[in-house]
N, C-alpha and C. Protein backbone atom coordinates (compact mmCIF):
# COMPACT_ATOMS: atom_id res chain seq x y z
N UNK A 1 2.15 9.71 13.75
CA UNK A 1 1.39 9.40 12.56
C UNK A 1 0.22 10.37 12.46
N UNK A 2 0.07 10.93 11.29
CA UNK A 2 -1.03 11.84 11.03
C UNK A 2 -1.76 11.38 9.79
N UNK A 3 -3.04 11.09 9.94
CA UNK A 3 -3.86 10.71 8.79
C UNK A 3 -5.05 11.64 8.74
N UNK A 4 -5.55 12.04 7.60
CA UNK A 4 -4.95 11.73 6.31
C UNK A 4 -3.62 12.44 6.12
N UNK A 5 -2.80 11.88 5.24
CA UNK A 5 -1.50 12.47 4.96
C UNK A 5 -1.68 13.77 4.18
N UNK A 6 -0.72 14.66 4.31
CA UNK A 6 -0.69 15.88 3.50
C UNK A 6 -0.04 15.51 2.17
N UNK A 7 -0.82 15.57 1.11
CA UNK A 7 -0.40 15.03 -0.19
C UNK A 7 -0.37 16.13 -1.24
N UNK A 8 0.73 16.17 -1.98
CA UNK A 8 0.84 17.09 -3.13
C UNK A 8 0.35 16.33 -4.37
N UNK A 9 -0.69 16.84 -4.99
CA UNK A 9 -1.29 16.15 -6.14
C UNK A 9 -0.46 16.35 -7.41
N UNK A 10 -0.22 15.23 -8.13
CA UNK A 10 0.51 15.23 -9.39
C UNK A 10 -0.27 14.45 -10.44
N UNK A 11 0.07 14.66 -11.69
CA UNK A 11 -0.45 13.81 -12.75
C UNK A 11 0.24 12.45 -12.68
N UNK A 12 -0.34 11.46 -13.32
CA UNK A 12 0.23 10.11 -13.26
C UNK A 12 1.65 10.07 -13.83
N UNK A 13 1.89 10.74 -14.94
CA UNK A 13 3.23 10.73 -15.53
C UNK A 13 4.28 11.30 -14.60
N UNK A 14 3.97 12.40 -13.94
CA UNK A 14 4.92 13.03 -13.02
C UNK A 14 5.14 12.15 -11.79
N UNK A 15 4.07 11.52 -11.29
CA UNK A 15 4.20 10.61 -10.15
C UNK A 15 5.09 9.42 -10.52
N UNK A 16 4.87 8.86 -11.69
CA UNK A 16 5.69 7.73 -12.17
C UNK A 16 7.15 8.13 -12.29
N UNK A 17 7.39 9.32 -12.82
CA UNK A 17 8.77 9.80 -12.97
C UNK A 17 9.44 9.96 -11.61
N UNK A 18 8.72 10.46 -10.64
CA UNK A 18 9.29 10.59 -9.28
C UNK A 18 9.62 9.22 -8.70
N UNK A 19 8.74 8.25 -8.92
CA UNK A 19 9.01 6.89 -8.43
C UNK A 19 10.26 6.32 -9.10
N UNK A 20 10.39 6.51 -10.41
CA UNK A 20 11.59 6.03 -11.12
C UNK A 20 12.85 6.73 -10.61
N UNK A 21 12.74 8.00 -10.32
CA UNK A 21 13.90 8.75 -9.80
C UNK A 21 14.31 8.22 -8.42
N UNK A 22 13.35 7.90 -7.58
CA UNK A 22 13.65 7.33 -6.27
C UNK A 22 14.38 6.00 -6.43
N UNK A 23 13.86 5.16 -7.30
CA UNK A 23 14.48 3.85 -7.53
C UNK A 23 15.88 4.00 -8.10
N UNK A 24 16.05 4.89 -9.06
CA UNK A 24 17.36 5.08 -9.70
C UNK A 24 18.39 5.62 -8.71
N UNK A 25 17.95 6.48 -7.80
CA UNK A 25 18.86 7.07 -6.82
C UNK A 25 19.14 6.14 -5.64
N UNK A 26 18.34 5.08 -5.52
CA UNK A 26 18.52 4.15 -4.40
C UNK A 26 18.04 4.72 -3.08
N UNK A 27 17.17 5.73 -3.14
CA UNK A 27 16.61 6.30 -1.92
C UNK A 27 15.32 5.57 -1.55
N UNK A 28 14.82 5.85 -0.36
CA UNK A 28 13.64 5.14 0.12
C UNK A 28 12.35 5.80 -0.34
N UNK A 29 11.40 4.95 -0.72
CA UNK A 29 10.08 5.40 -1.12
C UNK A 29 9.17 4.19 -1.27
N UNK A 30 7.88 4.42 -1.18
CA UNK A 30 6.92 3.34 -1.36
C UNK A 30 5.58 3.91 -1.80
N UNK A 31 4.71 3.03 -2.31
CA UNK A 31 3.41 3.46 -2.81
C UNK A 31 2.28 2.80 -2.03
N UNK A 32 1.16 3.51 -2.00
CA UNK A 32 -0.09 2.99 -1.48
C UNK A 32 -1.13 3.12 -2.59
N UNK A 33 -2.02 2.16 -2.68
CA UNK A 33 -3.21 2.32 -3.51
C UNK A 33 -4.36 2.52 -2.54
N UNK A 34 -5.19 3.50 -2.82
CA UNK A 34 -6.28 3.80 -1.89
C UNK A 34 -7.61 3.86 -2.62
N UNK A 35 -8.63 3.53 -1.88
CA UNK A 35 -10.01 3.60 -2.37
C UNK A 35 -10.66 4.87 -1.83
N UNK A 36 -11.82 5.24 -2.37
CA UNK A 36 -12.52 6.41 -1.84
C UNK A 36 -12.78 6.27 -0.33
N UNK A 37 -12.52 7.37 0.39
CA UNK A 37 -12.76 7.39 1.82
C UNK A 37 -11.67 6.77 2.67
N UNK A 38 -10.57 6.38 2.08
CA UNK A 38 -9.46 5.74 2.78
C UNK A 38 -8.87 6.67 3.85
N UNK A 39 -8.42 6.08 4.96
CA UNK A 39 -7.81 6.86 6.04
C UNK A 39 -6.55 7.60 5.58
N UNK A 40 -5.82 7.03 4.65
CA UNK A 40 -4.55 7.63 4.22
C UNK A 40 -4.76 8.95 3.48
N UNK A 41 -5.80 9.00 2.63
CA UNK A 41 -6.03 10.22 1.85
C UNK A 41 -7.21 11.05 2.35
N UNK A 42 -8.21 10.40 2.90
CA UNK A 42 -9.43 11.10 3.27
C UNK A 42 -10.21 11.60 2.06
N UNK A 43 -9.83 11.16 0.88
CA UNK A 43 -10.42 11.65 -0.37
C UNK A 43 -11.58 10.76 -0.84
N UNK A 44 -12.55 11.35 -1.51
CA UNK A 44 -13.62 10.55 -2.10
C UNK A 44 -13.20 9.89 -3.41
N UNK A 45 -11.94 10.07 -3.79
CA UNK A 45 -11.42 9.50 -5.05
C UNK A 45 -10.40 8.41 -4.75
N UNK A 46 -10.14 7.58 -5.74
CA UNK A 46 -9.07 6.59 -5.67
C UNK A 46 -7.74 7.32 -5.82
N UNK A 47 -6.67 6.70 -5.30
CA UNK A 47 -5.38 7.38 -5.42
C UNK A 47 -4.23 6.38 -5.43
N UNK A 48 -3.16 6.80 -6.06
CA UNK A 48 -1.84 6.19 -5.91
C UNK A 48 -1.04 7.21 -5.12
N UNK A 49 -0.61 6.82 -3.95
CA UNK A 49 0.14 7.72 -3.07
C UNK A 49 1.59 7.27 -3.04
N UNK A 50 2.49 8.19 -3.30
CA UNK A 50 3.93 7.93 -3.29
C UNK A 50 4.54 8.66 -2.10
N UNK A 51 5.06 7.88 -1.16
CA UNK A 51 5.81 8.46 -0.05
C UNK A 51 7.28 8.46 -0.44
N UNK A 52 7.83 9.63 -0.64
CA UNK A 52 9.26 9.78 -0.92
C UNK A 52 9.92 9.97 0.44
N UNK A 53 10.22 8.87 1.10
CA UNK A 53 10.64 8.87 2.50
C UNK A 53 11.85 9.75 2.75
N UNK A 54 12.91 9.55 2.00
CA UNK A 54 14.14 10.32 2.24
C UNK A 54 13.97 11.79 1.89
N UNK A 55 13.03 12.09 1.04
CA UNK A 55 12.74 13.46 0.64
C UNK A 55 11.79 14.13 1.64
N UNK A 56 11.09 13.30 2.41
CA UNK A 56 10.13 13.83 3.37
C UNK A 56 8.88 14.40 2.72
N UNK A 57 8.53 13.84 1.55
CA UNK A 57 7.38 14.36 0.80
C UNK A 57 6.41 13.23 0.46
N UNK A 58 5.16 13.61 0.26
CA UNK A 58 4.12 12.66 -0.14
C UNK A 58 3.40 13.23 -1.35
N UNK A 59 3.31 12.41 -2.40
CA UNK A 59 2.69 12.81 -3.65
C UNK A 59 1.52 11.87 -3.94
N UNK A 60 0.55 12.36 -4.67
CA UNK A 60 -0.58 11.51 -5.00
C UNK A 60 -1.15 11.79 -6.37
N UNK A 61 -1.58 10.73 -7.02
CA UNK A 61 -2.34 10.82 -8.26
C UNK A 61 -3.75 10.35 -7.93
N UNK A 62 -4.75 11.19 -8.19
CA UNK A 62 -6.13 10.89 -7.86
C UNK A 62 -6.94 10.66 -9.12
N UNK A 63 -7.87 9.71 -9.06
CA UNK A 63 -8.71 9.40 -10.21
C UNK A 63 -10.01 8.79 -9.73
N UNK A 64 -11.03 8.89 -10.55
CA UNK A 64 -12.30 8.25 -10.23
C UNK A 64 -12.35 6.82 -10.76
N UNK A 65 -11.43 6.47 -11.64
CA UNK A 65 -11.36 5.14 -12.24
C UNK A 65 -10.40 4.25 -11.44
N UNK A 66 -10.51 2.93 -11.58
CA UNK A 66 -9.56 2.04 -10.89
C UNK A 66 -8.11 2.41 -11.23
N UNK A 67 -7.24 2.30 -10.23
CA UNK A 67 -5.84 2.75 -10.38
C UNK A 67 -4.85 1.59 -10.23
N UNK A 68 -5.34 0.39 -9.94
CA UNK A 68 -4.44 -0.72 -9.61
C UNK A 68 -3.48 -1.07 -10.74
N UNK A 69 -3.96 -1.09 -12.00
CA UNK A 69 -3.07 -1.43 -13.11
C UNK A 69 -1.95 -0.42 -13.27
N UNK A 70 -2.20 0.83 -12.92
CA UNK A 70 -1.17 1.86 -13.01
C UNK A 70 -0.26 1.83 -11.79
N UNK A 71 -0.77 1.37 -10.65
CA UNK A 71 0.03 1.33 -9.43
C UNK A 71 0.97 0.12 -9.37
N UNK A 72 0.57 -1.00 -9.95
CA UNK A 72 1.33 -2.24 -9.83
C UNK A 72 2.79 -2.09 -10.28
N UNK A 73 3.08 -1.52 -11.46
CA UNK A 73 4.50 -1.40 -11.83
C UNK A 73 5.30 -0.52 -10.88
N UNK A 74 4.65 0.47 -10.28
CA UNK A 74 5.34 1.32 -9.32
C UNK A 74 5.63 0.55 -8.03
N UNK A 75 4.68 -0.30 -7.63
CA UNK A 75 4.90 -1.14 -6.44
C UNK A 75 6.06 -2.10 -6.67
N UNK A 76 6.11 -2.71 -7.83
CA UNK A 76 7.21 -3.63 -8.14
C UNK A 76 8.54 -2.87 -8.15
N UNK A 77 8.54 -1.70 -8.75
CA UNK A 77 9.75 -0.86 -8.82
C UNK A 77 10.27 -0.51 -7.44
N UNK A 78 9.39 -0.08 -6.53
CA UNK A 78 9.82 0.43 -5.23
C UNK A 78 9.81 -0.61 -4.12
N UNK A 79 8.96 -1.61 -4.22
CA UNK A 79 8.86 -2.61 -3.14
C UNK A 79 9.64 -3.87 -3.45
N UNK A 80 9.99 -4.07 -4.72
CA UNK A 80 10.72 -5.26 -5.12
C UNK A 80 9.78 -6.30 -5.72
N UNK A 81 10.30 -6.99 -6.72
CA UNK A 81 9.49 -8.00 -7.41
C UNK A 81 9.09 -9.14 -6.49
N UNK A 82 9.88 -9.40 -5.43
CA UNK A 82 9.52 -10.49 -4.52
C UNK A 82 8.25 -10.19 -3.74
N UNK A 83 7.87 -8.93 -3.66
CA UNK A 83 6.67 -8.54 -2.91
C UNK A 83 5.38 -8.79 -3.68
N UNK A 84 5.44 -8.71 -5.00
CA UNK A 84 4.25 -8.80 -5.83
C UNK A 84 4.32 -10.08 -6.66
N UNK A 85 3.63 -11.13 -6.22
CA UNK A 85 3.72 -12.40 -6.93
C UNK A 85 2.97 -12.40 -8.26
N UNK A 86 3.41 -13.26 -9.17
CA UNK A 86 2.66 -13.48 -10.40
C UNK A 86 1.31 -14.09 -10.05
N UNK A 87 0.35 -13.95 -10.94
CA UNK A 87 -1.01 -14.41 -10.66
C UNK A 87 -1.10 -15.90 -10.32
N UNK A 88 -0.26 -16.73 -10.92
CA UNK A 88 -0.37 -18.18 -10.72
C UNK A 88 0.72 -18.75 -9.82
N UNK A 89 1.53 -17.88 -9.25
CA UNK A 89 2.62 -18.31 -8.38
C UNK A 89 2.08 -18.82 -7.05
N UNK A 90 2.61 -19.94 -6.58
CA UNK A 90 2.20 -20.48 -5.28
C UNK A 90 2.67 -19.55 -4.17
N UNK A 91 1.83 -19.40 -3.16
CA UNK A 91 2.15 -18.53 -2.03
C UNK A 91 2.42 -19.35 -0.79
N UNK A 92 3.33 -18.86 0.06
CA UNK A 92 3.54 -19.43 1.38
C UNK A 92 2.34 -19.05 2.24
N UNK A 93 2.04 -19.83 3.28
CA UNK A 93 0.89 -19.48 4.13
C UNK A 93 1.10 -18.13 4.83
N UNK A 94 0.04 -17.34 4.84
CA UNK A 94 0.06 -16.05 5.54
C UNK A 94 -0.34 -16.28 6.99
N UNK A 95 -0.17 -15.26 7.81
CA UNK A 95 -0.54 -15.34 9.22
C UNK A 95 -2.05 -15.47 9.36
N UNK A 96 -2.50 -15.96 10.50
CA UNK A 96 -3.93 -16.14 10.75
C UNK A 96 -4.66 -14.80 10.67
N UNK A 97 -4.07 -13.75 11.23
CA UNK A 97 -4.72 -12.43 11.21
C UNK A 97 -4.91 -11.92 9.79
N UNK A 98 -3.89 -12.05 8.96
CA UNK A 98 -3.99 -11.56 7.58
C UNK A 98 -4.93 -12.46 6.77
N UNK A 99 -4.94 -13.76 7.04
CA UNK A 99 -5.91 -14.64 6.38
C UNK A 99 -7.34 -14.23 6.70
N UNK A 100 -7.60 -13.83 7.93
CA UNK A 100 -8.93 -13.37 8.31
C UNK A 100 -9.30 -12.11 7.53
N UNK A 101 -8.36 -11.17 7.46
CA UNK A 101 -8.59 -9.94 6.70
C UNK A 101 -8.83 -10.26 5.22
N UNK A 102 -8.04 -11.19 4.68
CA UNK A 102 -8.18 -11.58 3.27
C UNK A 102 -9.56 -12.18 3.01
N UNK A 103 -10.06 -12.94 3.96
CA UNK A 103 -11.40 -13.50 3.83
C UNK A 103 -12.45 -12.40 3.74
N UNK A 104 -12.29 -11.36 4.53
CA UNK A 104 -13.22 -10.23 4.47
C UNK A 104 -13.15 -9.53 3.11
N UNK A 105 -11.93 -9.36 2.59
CA UNK A 105 -11.77 -8.71 1.29
C UNK A 105 -12.44 -9.55 0.21
N UNK A 106 -12.27 -10.86 0.27
CA UNK A 106 -12.89 -11.74 -0.74
C UNK A 106 -14.41 -11.65 -0.70
N UNK A 107 -14.97 -11.24 0.44
CA UNK A 107 -16.43 -11.05 0.54
C UNK A 107 -16.84 -9.64 0.11
N UNK A 108 -15.87 -8.87 -0.37
CA UNK A 108 -16.15 -7.51 -0.81
C UNK A 108 -16.15 -6.48 0.30
N UNK A 109 -15.54 -6.83 1.41
CA UNK A 109 -15.49 -5.94 2.58
C UNK A 109 -14.08 -5.37 2.73
N UNK A 110 -13.96 -4.08 2.89
CA UNK A 110 -12.72 -3.45 3.28
C UNK A 110 -11.62 -3.39 2.24
N UNK A 111 -10.48 -2.86 2.68
CA UNK A 111 -9.27 -2.81 1.84
C UNK A 111 -8.02 -2.79 2.72
N UNK A 112 -6.91 -3.17 2.10
CA UNK A 112 -5.62 -3.37 2.77
C UNK A 112 -4.67 -2.20 2.58
N UNK A 113 -3.71 -2.12 3.53
CA UNK A 113 -2.51 -1.30 3.39
C UNK A 113 -1.35 -2.08 4.00
N UNK A 114 -0.21 -2.03 3.33
CA UNK A 114 1.03 -2.56 3.87
C UNK A 114 1.85 -1.34 4.28
N UNK A 115 2.13 -1.23 5.56
CA UNK A 115 2.81 -0.05 6.09
C UNK A 115 4.17 -0.47 6.63
N UNK A 116 5.21 -0.03 5.94
CA UNK A 116 6.57 -0.41 6.37
C UNK A 116 6.95 0.39 7.62
N UNK A 117 8.06 0.06 8.24
CA UNK A 117 8.43 0.71 9.51
C UNK A 117 8.60 2.23 9.46
N UNK A 118 8.91 2.81 8.28
CA UNK A 118 9.09 4.25 8.19
C UNK A 118 7.91 4.96 7.53
N UNK A 119 6.86 4.23 7.22
CA UNK A 119 5.68 4.80 6.56
C UNK A 119 5.03 5.85 7.46
N UNK A 120 4.70 6.98 6.87
CA UNK A 120 4.09 8.08 7.63
C UNK A 120 2.70 7.74 8.15
N UNK A 121 2.02 6.81 7.51
CA UNK A 121 0.66 6.43 7.92
C UNK A 121 0.66 5.27 8.93
N UNK A 122 1.84 4.77 9.26
CA UNK A 122 1.94 3.60 10.13
C UNK A 122 1.66 3.98 11.59
N UNK A 123 0.63 3.37 12.21
CA UNK A 123 0.35 3.66 13.61
C UNK A 123 1.34 2.99 14.57
N UNK A 124 2.24 2.16 14.02
CA UNK A 124 3.25 1.44 14.81
C UNK A 124 4.63 1.71 14.24
N UNK A 125 5.13 2.96 14.35
CA UNK A 125 6.43 3.30 13.75
C UNK A 125 7.53 2.33 14.20
N UNK A 126 8.38 1.99 13.25
CA UNK A 126 9.48 1.08 13.54
C UNK A 126 9.12 -0.39 13.36
N UNK A 127 7.86 -0.67 13.09
CA UNK A 127 7.40 -2.06 12.91
C UNK A 127 6.61 -2.15 11.61
N UNK A 128 6.51 -3.34 11.06
CA UNK A 128 5.68 -3.60 9.89
C UNK A 128 4.23 -3.73 10.33
N UNK A 129 3.33 -3.10 9.62
CA UNK A 129 1.91 -3.18 9.94
C UNK A 129 1.11 -3.50 8.68
N UNK A 130 0.33 -4.57 8.75
CA UNK A 130 -0.66 -4.84 7.72
C UNK A 130 -1.96 -4.29 8.30
N UNK A 131 -2.54 -3.31 7.63
CA UNK A 131 -3.73 -2.64 8.13
C UNK A 131 -4.89 -2.92 7.18
N UNK A 132 -6.05 -3.20 7.74
CA UNK A 132 -7.24 -3.50 6.95
C UNK A 132 -8.35 -2.59 7.43
N UNK A 133 -8.86 -1.76 6.53
CA UNK A 133 -9.98 -0.88 6.84
C UNK A 133 -11.27 -1.60 6.48
N UNK A 134 -12.14 -1.80 7.45
CA UNK A 134 -13.37 -2.54 7.28
C UNK A 134 -14.51 -1.72 7.88
N UNK A 135 -15.49 -1.36 7.08
CA UNK A 135 -16.59 -0.53 7.55
C UNK A 135 -17.31 -1.19 8.73
N UNK A 136 -17.48 -2.50 8.68
CA UNK A 136 -18.22 -3.21 9.73
C UNK A 136 -17.38 -3.49 10.97
N UNK A 137 -16.10 -3.85 10.79
CA UNK A 137 -15.26 -4.26 11.91
C UNK A 137 -14.28 -3.18 12.38
N UNK A 138 -14.18 -2.10 11.65
CA UNK A 138 -13.22 -1.06 12.00
C UNK A 138 -11.85 -1.34 11.39
N UNK A 139 -10.82 -0.82 12.00
CA UNK A 139 -9.45 -1.00 11.50
C UNK A 139 -8.84 -2.22 12.19
N UNK A 140 -8.41 -3.19 11.37
CA UNK A 140 -7.74 -4.39 11.87
C UNK A 140 -6.26 -4.27 11.55
N UNK A 141 -5.41 -4.81 12.43
CA UNK A 141 -3.96 -4.72 12.21
C UNK A 141 -3.29 -6.05 12.50
N UNK A 142 -2.20 -6.29 11.79
CA UNK A 142 -1.26 -7.35 12.11
C UNK A 142 0.10 -6.67 12.14
N UNK A 143 0.80 -6.75 13.27
CA UNK A 143 2.04 -6.00 13.47
C UNK A 143 3.19 -6.98 13.72
N UNK A 144 4.35 -6.71 13.09
CA UNK A 144 5.51 -7.57 13.30
C UNK A 144 6.80 -6.75 13.22
N UNK A 145 7.84 -7.29 13.85
CA UNK A 145 9.15 -6.63 13.81
C UNK A 145 9.89 -6.95 12.52
N UNK A 146 9.69 -8.14 12.00
CA UNK A 146 10.34 -8.56 10.76
C UNK A 146 9.40 -8.37 9.57
N UNK A 147 9.95 -8.19 8.39
CA UNK A 147 9.15 -8.04 7.18
C UNK A 147 8.33 -9.31 6.95
N UNK A 148 7.01 -9.22 7.00
CA UNK A 148 6.15 -10.41 6.86
C UNK A 148 5.88 -10.73 5.39
N UNK A 149 6.89 -11.28 4.71
CA UNK A 149 6.81 -11.45 3.26
C UNK A 149 5.62 -12.29 2.83
N UNK A 150 5.29 -13.37 3.52
CA UNK A 150 4.14 -14.19 3.12
C UNK A 150 2.85 -13.37 3.21
N UNK A 151 2.71 -12.56 4.25
CA UNK A 151 1.53 -11.70 4.38
C UNK A 151 1.51 -10.65 3.27
N UNK A 152 2.64 -10.04 3.02
CA UNK A 152 2.75 -9.00 1.99
C UNK A 152 2.37 -9.57 0.63
N UNK A 153 2.89 -10.75 0.30
CA UNK A 153 2.61 -11.33 -1.01
C UNK A 153 1.12 -11.65 -1.18
N UNK A 154 0.47 -12.13 -0.13
CA UNK A 154 -0.98 -12.39 -0.21
C UNK A 154 -1.73 -11.08 -0.41
N UNK A 155 -1.39 -10.08 0.37
CA UNK A 155 -2.07 -8.78 0.26
C UNK A 155 -1.87 -8.18 -1.12
N UNK A 156 -0.64 -8.18 -1.61
CA UNK A 156 -0.36 -7.62 -2.95
C UNK A 156 -1.14 -8.37 -4.03
N UNK A 157 -1.21 -9.68 -3.93
CA UNK A 157 -1.98 -10.45 -4.91
C UNK A 157 -3.44 -10.00 -4.89
N UNK A 158 -4.00 -9.82 -3.71
CA UNK A 158 -5.40 -9.42 -3.61
C UNK A 158 -5.62 -7.98 -4.10
N UNK A 159 -4.70 -7.09 -3.79
CA UNK A 159 -4.82 -5.70 -4.24
C UNK A 159 -4.79 -5.63 -5.75
N UNK A 160 -3.89 -6.37 -6.38
CA UNK A 160 -3.69 -6.24 -7.82
C UNK A 160 -4.41 -7.31 -8.63
N UNK A 161 -5.31 -8.06 -7.99
CA UNK A 161 -6.07 -9.12 -8.71
C UNK A 161 -7.00 -8.50 -9.73
């Protein structure tokens, strides 16, 4: 794992088109939303980062404005609708570790990343990692062998709230 990732910058339209092409081809890819100073980008700007896993490439759209509304449809496209719950949908309980991280986020501290087993930014290759960057507490992790859907759904709800 190497952070920050080496990212080829694209406009939002081109990034969206690449995400749609990945989905249409049935190849692997996923997105990250990042805040200024994030470990994934190292950039002072916000970003939507697209890892085109099977292509071995990483693309990014950078902006000074919030990017979550533009990232959400790409996350649903590439991660699956089951990952991103509707705003009023009931959630299954998340793990204790992710609930602790969520509490910090609700206090305005830190930000999340969901790192799948093949994610280039994952410090635990081959395993699912929920990573939380917190200025006060450092980097917190919850690691599992199986896809932690309840944790993912809570994190996605908080990211796209």
